[in-house]
Each structure stands twice: as C-alpha cells, then as structure tokens.
Amino acid sequence: MPGLYLHIPFCRQACHYCDFHFSTSLARKPAVLAALAREVELRADFFGPNPAPLTSIYFGGGTPSLLTADELLALFEHIGRFFAWAADAEITLEANPDDLSPQWLADLRATPVNRLSVGIQSFHEPHLRLMNRAHSAADALTCLGRARDAGFANFSLDLIYGIPAPDHSAWARDLDTALALAPPHLSAYALTVEPRTALGRWTAKGRFRPSTDDFTARQFELLTTALVGAGYEHYEISNFARPGRHARHNSAYWDGAAYLGLGPSAHSFDGRATRWATVASNAAYVAALERGELPATAETLTPRDRANEYLMTSLRTSRGTDLARLRTEFGRDVRATHAAYLADLLARGLATHHADTLRLTTAGRLLADDITLALFE
C-alpha cells in the first residue's frame, strides 16, 4: 500500500498554534513547485523495481488549496511519468474554507483530487480569531455545502478542542454543527501550545493561559460520546469515520507501510527500517534540487525504535496492538516484561486484552501517551 505525500509550504497567514513548516510569502511558489517536480524524478526508484501502484496521494501543508488547478494538473502529469496510481486511489488535498469558492472547486474537479480535508477548526468566531484563522465562522458553515455541490462527496473536516473557554458550550455547539453537516470523516485534535508559535510566546509571557488537562479531557469525552453516538467509528484517537470512510493515507502510516514524502520538511519511510527527513527550508530545498541533490537525511531505525513506533501507532487505533506481532517481528514480549503494569491497566478499565491484542478503552485513550511511554523499552 505505497503512498505519496506532497508538502505545500505556503499559507496566507500564520495560525497562532501552528508549528508546521510554511511561509506566508508566495514569492518562492514557482521555484518550489519546480523543485518538487525535480524531486519526483530523483525519487522515481524509491519503491524499488516494479512497485505496486500508489493507493493514496496526499497534499498537505501549509495550505495546498493555495495551488491553482493548473498547477495541480501539471504536478499530476509529472508524477504520472514516474509513478502509477491505482484507479481507486484516495487522492486528498487539504483546504482552507476561505479557498473553497465555487469556481476553485469546479476547477479542482478537473484534477484527479477526489477527497478534501477541510481545516474548519471551529465554527465559533471568537475561537477562530484567537487561532488567527483566515476564514470566518460563515465560511466554515457554508464551505462544505459548496464542496458537496461541486461533487466532492468524500471529505473530512478538522476540529480543535481544548480551547480556553468558561465552559463547554461552544465546543458542544461545534459538535452539533459538525454532525449536522454529516461529514464522512472527522478529525479532532487538542489545542497544543508549542514554544515557537504565537500561543507559545504568549504563554511564556503570561498573556495566554492554556486549558487545564481536566478541561481538555472532558471535551475529548464529549467528542467521543457525540461522534460514536452518531454512528461514527472511532478508529484512531483523533479520527472518526463513517463505515468504509477511514482515511486510507493516514491508516497506512499507522500500519507501518512505505510512503514517500516530497517537499520541504516532508518525511519518508521505506516500510522496513529507514526514514528520511527533508530540509525544512524553502530556500535550501530549492537550491539543493537545482543542483540535482536530494535535500534529505536518512535515519536507520534500530529494532528497539521499530518496536516502540509500532506500540505508539497501534495503541492509538481501534485495532490495538497485536502482541504476537510485537514478539515475532520486533522481539518484544511486553506480557513478560510488563505483566504487572498490563494487569493494572486491565483492572483500572484503561485497556482490554483479547486474542493477544491489547486495546485502549475510551478512558485509556485519554492517557495514551503515558501508557505508551510506560511500555517503551
């Protein structure tokens, strides 16, 4: 199940919580797109001889919806010279609500993109302003209808919870509004304050006070209750989907499948033990590819790294961790090394153990990071 990821490192403005690599200047966009095309050529043998067709292509960022349909078509044409993709491949493009005009959506329909991931984040205007989102609450309410009208029936929307507030009423309204729009897929992430962001600087100066862990945990519980109650499958800690609408691209990440990442700051994995990280600088990225060089560094994962990564990703999913696979493929027998800890998880209702599979309960998912760290070697 090979996948292709393309990082589009441009945004109209900087969201106050975001620490991904991007630039708010579009001056380098033509040069970056030319470098992307060159990187496609240099990576043509990434999946080896006679590789299986790509099952997913994902445009992330940044804000890929800043690309025009012509720019996307040129990229697809170039990718198609070096990589084949399956007829039913999931081809996702991340988009901001303010970019989803009827004309842009109509133009996008002429490209191979067949799925949108829309960064709503909130339907509450004060929260959008706090996060410095470029769109308004009105855009958030109407953009998905425009996408459906244009023929994009397969879409996901993103929400952010744990935004400081006097109570949970704004979050409850966000959930009600999202469910009324009936998205096939929904992703929800807790607001995280990263040091190099505006929120991080404000927090350090005492100008911003993040929500407490208890407040954020309660919003996660409200999220889970609402979405599961509405028939969504909670298939990964941050992801919910209608049956058959799991995100194929991200699911492949969690399964440990091979993927190729193109663009500044993108990562790649060969599905075995080697990962690549591309330089997180538009200027350095363009300069290297103009010289015909790949601006990426390789890292060889140790067996311990691979075991820990499998634990981390699998415990986040509804499938859970296959303890037999952990023993045979990665040489880790947590039933032997962590017997007392596992028994405590089960006794506290934080996990279940059935058919040699360890799964976190809803209560356990609130503590997923701590549980994973406790099981790391």
Foldseek 3Di string as FASTA:
>chain_A
DEEEEEEQAEDCDAFQQDDFFHDNDCPCVVLQLVLLLLVLVVCLCVQHPPHDAHQEYEYHYHAQLVDALVSQQVVVVSNVVRGHHDPNHAYEGEHELVSQDLVRLLSNVVHPHQEYEYELQFLDAVVCVNRVPPDGSVSSLCRLVSNVVSPNLAYEYEYEDQADDPACPRLLVRLVSVVVSPHQKYFYYYRDHDCVGNSNVCVVVVNDDTGDLVRRLVSLVVNVCSQVVSQWDQFFSGMTGHPPNDDPVVVCVLVLDWYHYTGAQTKTDNSPFKIKGAHSDSVVSSVQVVVVHGRIDMDGHDLLRVLLSNQLSQQRGQQAHQQVCSCPVSNDNCCVVVVVVVVVCVVVQQWDADPNGIYGDSVVSSVSVVVSVVSRD
